[in-house]
Amino acid sequence: MIGSVHVRSTPDGPAEQAVFVHGLAGSATNWTDLMGELKDTVTGHALDLPGAGFSPAPADGDYSIEGHSKAVIGLLEHTGPAHLFGNSLGGAVAVKVAALRPELVRSLTLVSPALPDLLPRYGPMRVAAAAVPVLGEWVASRLRLIPAEQRITASMAVVWANMDAVHPLRLRDAIEEQRRRDDLPYSGEAMIRSARGIVAEYFRRKQTLWDDAAMVRARTLIIHGRHDRLVRPAMARKAYRTFRQVRLVLLPTAGHVAMMETPQVVAAEARRLIGETRLGNAPLPG
């Protein structure tokens, strides 16, 4: 536990540090396989965002993108400058962190980041429904009546391109974690208010996440699965046009959580970025 968040770290290894930020309804364990692949390249630290995983609810009740970014900044201030990774909601948080505290971010790897997109799509529509006052609480209370196995299987069927590729051990761990979360009094609130934090960013008029993206100075890698059902591929191309130093990788067999679906491929791309960061003048595109 560092500060008010729970952190899972790889054993002490390389001097270079990396911090990993999960998405909505996720946890630090979403990065287990990728962290294992990168353990000889970086010493990794994956945090549970406030109210998620083993982290307690935030004392100030702030589940906004900026609120979550404070937790990540706190970890980065502990590790020192690090290579920052983010998926979905965690990608949005990572962009905010990289814009606010550029001296703490050596490179930025975004896996299907949840950057604002107002066009209707199944994933954002579900998030928006969860974020509606009263309706969100009602949906959460009804979902708790559904067995954890069914909820996890349905969720993975959405975020993975191929549900059959989920390792049985990972599926079992996710179900056990959901059962544990169901017993926490703040788990539903954490999900709903984090969803509201995403939606609020989608409708922000000043200093949007796209404005933050344009401010990021760190070399950036965007990884997007062609079968992503939550974030439109068009958003990856918009991100490619927005970040200053960026490379875009589209994975033909991945969905929304490429770091879980194809950890070896994501690790290879991340190593390339980290190597470019060390060199300082290596070209990014391509």
Protein backbone atom coordinates (compact mmCIF):
# COMPACT_ATOMS: atom_id res chain seq x y z
CA MET A 1 0.00 0.00 0.00
CA ILE A 2 1.43 3.38 -1.04
CA GLY A 3 -0.42 6.36 0.35
CA SER A 4 -4.12 5.52 -0.04
CA VAL A 5 -3.87 3.08 -2.96
CA HIS A 6 -2.85 -0.56 -3.23
CA VAL A 7 0.07 -1.29 -5.58
CA ARG A 8 1.29 -4.59 -7.05
CA SER A 9 4.95 -4.51 -8.10
CA THR A 10 7.30 -6.86 -9.87
CA PRO A 11 10.42 -7.89 -7.93
CA ASP A 12 13.19 -5.29 -7.87
CA GLY A 13 14.92 -5.43 -11.21
CA PRO A 14 15.86 -2.87 -13.85
CA ALA A 15 16.47 0.69 -12.71
CA GLU A 16 13.84 2.01 -15.12
CA GLN A 17 10.38 2.16 -13.57
CA ALA A 18 6.93 1.70 -15.10
CA VAL A 19 3.47 2.49 -13.72
CA PHE A 20 0.31 0.77 -15.00
CA VAL A 21 -3.26 2.16 -14.73
CA HIS A 22 -6.30 -0.05 -15.29
CA GLY A 23 -9.70 0.73 -16.76
CA LEU A 24 -13.25 1.00 -15.42
CA ALA A 25 -14.26 -2.06 -13.36
CA GLY A 26 -10.68 -3.32 -13.67
CA SER A 27 -7.80 -3.63 -11.23
CA ALA A 28 -4.04 -3.90 -11.05
CA THR A 29 -4.28 -7.58 -12.03
CA ASN A 30 -5.27 -6.52 -15.56
CA TRP A 31 -1.56 -5.88 -16.12
CA THR A 32 -0.15 -9.10 -14.62
CA ASP A 33 0.81 -10.77 -17.89
CA LEU A 34 2.27 -7.65 -19.50
CA MET A 35 4.26 -6.81 -16.38
CA GLY A 36 5.66 -10.33 -16.47
CA GLU A 37 6.69 -9.88 -20.09
CA LEU A 38 8.43 -6.58 -19.28
CA LYS A 39 10.09 -7.55 -15.99
CA ASP A 40 13.54 -7.64 -17.60
CA THR A 41 13.01 -4.18 -19.12
CA VAL A 42 11.36 -2.21 -16.30
CA THR A 43 10.43 -2.62 -12.66
CA GLY A 44 6.64 -2.43 -12.82
CA HIS A 45 4.06 -1.01 -10.43
CA ALA A 46 0.32 -1.46 -11.10
CA LEU A 47 -2.03 0.42 -8.82
CA ASP A 48 -5.65 -0.19 -7.96
CA LEU A 49 -7.34 3.15 -8.57
CA PRO A 50 -9.23 4.59 -5.56
CA GLY A 51 -12.22 2.38 -4.79
CA ALA A 52 -11.06 -0.41 -7.13
CA GLY A 53 -9.26 -3.67 -6.44
CA PHE A 54 -7.78 -3.56 -2.93
CA SER A 55 -7.68 0.24 -2.73
CA PRO A 56 -10.10 1.88 -0.29
CA ALA A 57 -12.63 4.48 -1.35
CA PRO A 58 -11.06 7.95 -1.61
CA ALA A 59 -11.50 10.01 1.54
CA ASP A 60 -12.74 12.98 -0.49
CA GLY A 61 -15.11 10.91 -2.62
CA ASP A 62 -13.46 12.18 -5.80
CA TYR A 63 -13.74 9.61 -8.60
CA SER A 64 -13.19 12.09 -11.43
CA ILE A 65 -10.42 11.70 -13.99
CA GLU A 66 -8.51 14.42 -12.17
CA GLY A 67 -9.13 12.69 -8.84
CA HIS A 68 -7.77 9.40 -10.15
CA SER A 69 -4.83 11.24 -11.69
CA LYS A 70 -3.83 12.50 -8.24
CA ALA A 71 -3.46 8.89 -7.08
CA VAL A 72 -1.25 8.09 -10.07
CA ILE A 73 0.85 11.21 -9.53
CA GLY A 74 1.31 10.18 -5.91
CA LEU A 75 2.70 6.84 -7.03
CA LEU A 76 4.96 8.47 -9.63
CA GLU A 77 6.32 10.82 -7.01
CA HIS A 78 7.25 7.70 -5.04
CA THR A 79 8.81 5.76 -7.95
CA GLY A 80 10.39 8.74 -9.69
CA PRO A 81 10.03 9.38 -13.45
CA ALA A 82 8.55 6.28 -15.07
CA HIS A 83 7.13 4.83 -18.26
CA LEU A 84 3.35 5.25 -17.88
CA PHE A 85 0.82 2.74 -19.22
CA GLY A 86 -2.97 3.14 -19.27
CA ASN A 87 -5.94 1.19 -20.60
CA SER A 88 -9.43 2.62 -21.27
CA LEU A 89 -10.32 4.82 -18.25
CA GLY A 90 -6.71 4.36 -17.15
CA GLY A 91 -5.61 5.69 -20.52
CA ALA A 92 -7.61 8.87 -19.97
CA VAL A 93 -6.10 9.20 -16.50
CA ALA A 94 -2.60 8.65 -17.90
CA VAL A 95 -3.10 11.39 -20.49
CA LYS A 96 -4.15 13.80 -17.74
CA VAL A 97 -1.09 12.86 -15.68
CA ALA A 98 1.30 13.25 -18.62
CA ALA A 99 -0.12 16.71 -19.36
CA LEU A 100 -0.07 17.90 -15.74
CA ARG A 101 3.28 16.45 -14.66
CA PRO A 102 5.44 15.90 -17.76
CA GLU A 103 8.62 15.61 -15.67
CA LEU A 104 7.28 12.37 -14.16
CA VAL A 105 6.47 10.60 -17.45
CA ARG A 106 9.33 9.13 -19.48
CA SER A 107 7.05 7.59 -22.10
CA LEU A 108 3.32 7.01 -22.50
CA THR A 109 1.70 3.77 -23.70
CA LEU A 110 -2.07 3.91 -24.19
CA VAL A 111 -4.13 0.78 -24.83
CA SER A 112 -7.55 1.77 -26.20
CA PRO A 113 -7.67 5.00 -24.16
CA ALA A 114 -11.14 6.33 -23.34
CA LEU A 115 -10.74 9.75 -24.93
CA PRO A 116 -13.94 11.75 -25.55
CA ASP A 117 -16.14 10.44 -28.36
CA LEU A 118 -19.76 11.53 -28.55
CA LEU A 119 -20.86 9.19 -31.34
CA PRO A 120 -23.17 6.42 -30.08
CA ARG A 121 -21.47 3.09 -29.40
CA TYR A 122 -22.40 0.15 -27.18
CA GLY A 123 -19.66 0.68 -24.59
CA PRO A 124 -20.00 4.44 -24.06
CA MET A 125 -23.79 4.11 -24.01
CA ARG A 126 -23.54 1.57 -21.17
CA VAL A 127 -21.18 3.89 -19.30
CA ALA A 128 -23.53 6.83 -19.85
CA ALA A 129 -26.49 4.81 -18.54
CA ALA A 130 -24.54 3.85 -15.41
CA ALA A 131 -23.67 7.51 -14.92
CA VAL A 132 -27.28 8.79 -14.92
CA PRO A 133 -28.36 9.75 -11.38
CA VAL A 134 -30.74 7.21 -9.79
CA LEU A 135 -30.66 5.01 -12.92
CA GLY A 136 -27.01 4.17 -12.30
CA GLU A 137 -27.70 3.12 -8.72
CA TRP A 138 -30.70 1.06 -9.82
CA VAL A 139 -28.66 -0.72 -12.50
CA ALA A 140 -25.90 -1.47 -10.00
CA SER A 141 -28.37 -2.91 -7.48
CA ARG A 142 -29.93 -5.13 -10.14
CA LEU A 143 -26.57 -6.35 -11.41
CA ARG A 144 -25.63 -7.56 -7.94
CA LEU A 145 -28.48 -10.06 -8.19
CA ILE A 146 -26.77 -11.75 -11.15
CA PRO A 147 -24.19 -14.42 -10.24
CA ALA A 148 -20.59 -13.21 -10.46
CA GLU A 149 -19.78 -15.88 -13.06
CA GLN A 150 -22.41 -14.52 -15.44
CA ARG A 151 -21.35 -10.91 -14.96
CA ILE A 152 -17.66 -11.63 -15.53
CA THR A 153 -18.31 -13.83 -18.55
CA ALA A 154 -20.55 -11.16 -20.11
CA SER A 155 -17.99 -8.44 -19.43
CA MET A 156 -15.11 -10.43 -20.90
CA ALA A 157 -17.20 -11.25 -23.97
CA VAL A 158 -17.40 -7.50 -24.61
CA VAL A 159 -13.80 -6.48 -23.93
CA TRP A 160 -12.02 -9.50 -25.43
CA ALA A 161 -12.11 -10.08 -29.18
CA ASN A 162 -12.30 -13.84 -28.58
CA MET A 163 -13.76 -15.00 -25.27
CA ASP A 164 -12.43 -18.52 -25.91
CA ALA A 165 -8.89 -17.15 -25.60
CA VAL A 166 -9.35 -16.25 -21.92
CA HIS A 167 -7.15 -18.52 -19.81
CA PRO A 168 -9.27 -20.53 -17.32
CA LEU A 169 -7.04 -19.37 -14.45
CA ARG A 170 -7.58 -15.70 -15.36
CA LEU A 171 -11.33 -16.29 -15.61
CA ARG A 172 -11.39 -17.98 -12.20
CA ASP A 173 -9.37 -15.16 -10.63
CA ALA A 174 -11.72 -12.53 -12.09
CA ILE A 175 -14.79 -14.32 -10.72
CA GLU A 176 -13.27 -14.64 -7.25
CA GLU A 177 -12.30 -10.96 -7.32
CA GLN A 178 -15.85 -9.98 -8.30
CA ARG A 179 -17.25 -11.96 -5.36
CA ARG A 180 -14.86 -10.20 -3.02
CA ARG A 181 -15.82 -6.81 -4.45
CA ASP A 182 -19.51 -7.57 -4.02
CA ASP A 183 -18.99 -7.67 -0.26
CA LEU A 184 -17.48 -4.16 -0.13
CA PRO A 185 -19.96 -1.40 0.77
CA TYR A 186 -18.42 1.14 -1.62
CA SER A 187 -17.83 -1.00 -4.74
CA GLY A 188 -21.05 0.03 -6.50
CA GLU A 189 -20.49 3.72 -5.76
CA ALA A 190 -16.90 3.50 -7.00
CA MET A 191 -18.05 2.06 -10.33
CA ILE A 192 -20.89 4.51 -10.82
CA ARG A 193 -18.97 7.63 -9.87
CA SER A 194 -15.95 6.61 -11.95
CA ALA A 195 -18.32 6.16 -14.90
CA ARG A 196 -19.68 9.64 -14.24
CA GLY A 197 -16.12 10.92 -14.25
CA ILE A 198 -15.64 9.59 -17.78
CA VAL A 199 -18.93 11.03 -19.02
CA ALA A 200 -18.11 14.43 -17.50
CA GLU A 201 -14.92 14.51 -19.57
CA TYR A 202 -16.89 13.75 -22.73
CA PHE A 203 -18.95 16.93 -22.24
CA ARG A 204 -16.21 19.21 -20.93
CA ARG A 205 -15.85 22.39 -23.01
CA LYS A 206 -12.61 23.82 -21.61
CA GLN A 207 -9.29 21.99 -21.27
CA THR A 208 -10.62 18.71 -22.56
CA LEU A 209 -8.67 15.47 -22.60
CA TRP A 210 -7.95 16.17 -26.26
CA ASP A 211 -6.38 19.46 -25.19
CA ASP A 212 -4.37 17.52 -22.61
CA ALA A 213 -3.28 15.06 -25.30
CA ALA A 214 -1.96 17.90 -27.44
CA MET A 215 0.11 19.10 -24.46
CA VAL A 216 1.83 15.75 -23.81
CA ARG A 217 5.57 15.98 -24.45
CA ALA A 218 6.43 12.32 -23.79
CA ARG A 219 6.89 9.89 -26.64
CA THR A 220 3.57 8.12 -27.00
CA LEU A 221 2.49 4.67 -28.21
CA ILE A 222 -1.18 4.03 -28.96
CA ILE A 223 -2.25 0.40 -29.21
CA HIS A 224 -5.75 -0.30 -30.45
CA GLY A 225 -7.49 -3.59 -31.22
CA ARG A 226 -9.39 -3.71 -34.49
CA HIS A 227 -12.15 -5.65 -32.71
CA ASP A 228 -12.56 -3.09 -29.92
CA ARG A 229 -16.29 -2.86 -29.17
CA LEU A 230 -15.95 0.01 -26.71
CA VAL A 231 -13.62 2.59 -28.28
CA ARG A 232 -14.01 3.31 -31.99
CA PRO A 233 -10.90 2.74 -34.14
CA ALA A 234 -11.48 6.25 -35.49
CA MET A 235 -10.52 7.57 -32.04
CA ALA A 236 -7.11 5.91 -32.40
CA ARG A 237 -6.54 7.81 -35.63
CA LYS A 238 -7.67 11.06 -34.04
CA ALA A 239 -5.23 10.42 -31.19
CA TYR A 240 -2.48 9.79 -33.75
CA ARG A 241 -3.14 13.24 -35.19
CA THR A 242 -3.26 14.89 -31.75
CA PHE A 243 -0.22 13.70 -29.77
CA ARG A 244 3.10 15.36 -30.63
CA GLN A 245 5.40 12.32 -30.79
CA VAL A 246 3.33 9.24 -31.44
CA ARG A 247 3.20 5.83 -33.05
CA LEU A 248 -0.07 3.99 -33.65
CA VAL A 249 -0.27 0.20 -33.68
CA LEU A 250 -3.53 -1.48 -34.77
CA LEU A 251 -3.75 -5.12 -33.70
CA PRO A 252 -5.88 -7.27 -36.04
CA THR A 253 -6.88 -9.92 -33.48
CA ALA A 254 -7.34 -7.84 -30.31
CA GLY A 255 -10.29 -6.15 -28.65
CA HIS A 256 -10.37 -3.57 -25.87
CA VAL A 257 -7.75 -5.10 -23.56
CA ALA A 258 -4.83 -5.92 -25.83
CA MET A 259 -2.40 -6.07 -22.89
CA MET A 260 -4.38 -9.08 -21.62
CA GLU A 261 -5.18 -10.62 -25.00
CA THR A 262 -1.77 -10.31 -26.67
CA PRO A 263 0.73 -9.41 -23.92
CA GLN A 264 3.79 -10.53 -25.93
CA VAL A 265 2.88 -8.26 -28.84
CA VAL A 266 2.15 -5.28 -26.59
CA ALA A 267 5.39 -5.92 -24.69
CA ALA A 268 7.41 -5.92 -27.91
CA GLU A 269 5.93 -2.56 -28.92
CA ALA A 270 6.50 -1.15 -25.43
CA ARG A 271 10.16 -2.27 -25.45
CA ARG A 272 10.59 -0.51 -28.76
CA LEU A 273 9.18 2.71 -27.32
CA ILE A 274 11.34 2.46 -24.21
CA GLY A 275 14.38 1.93 -26.40
CA GLU A 276 13.50 5.00 -28.44
CA THR A 277 13.12 6.98 -25.24
CA ARG A 278 16.62 5.96 -24.16
CA LEU A 279 18.07 7.00 -27.51
CA GLY A 280 16.16 10.26 -27.49
CA ASN A 281 16.33 10.84 -31.23
CA ALA A 282 14.94 7.66 -32.71
CA PRO A 283 11.96 8.18 -35.06
CA LEU A 284 8.53 7.15 -33.80
CA PRO A 285 6.24 6.79 -36.85
CA GLY A 286 5.93 3.42 -38.52
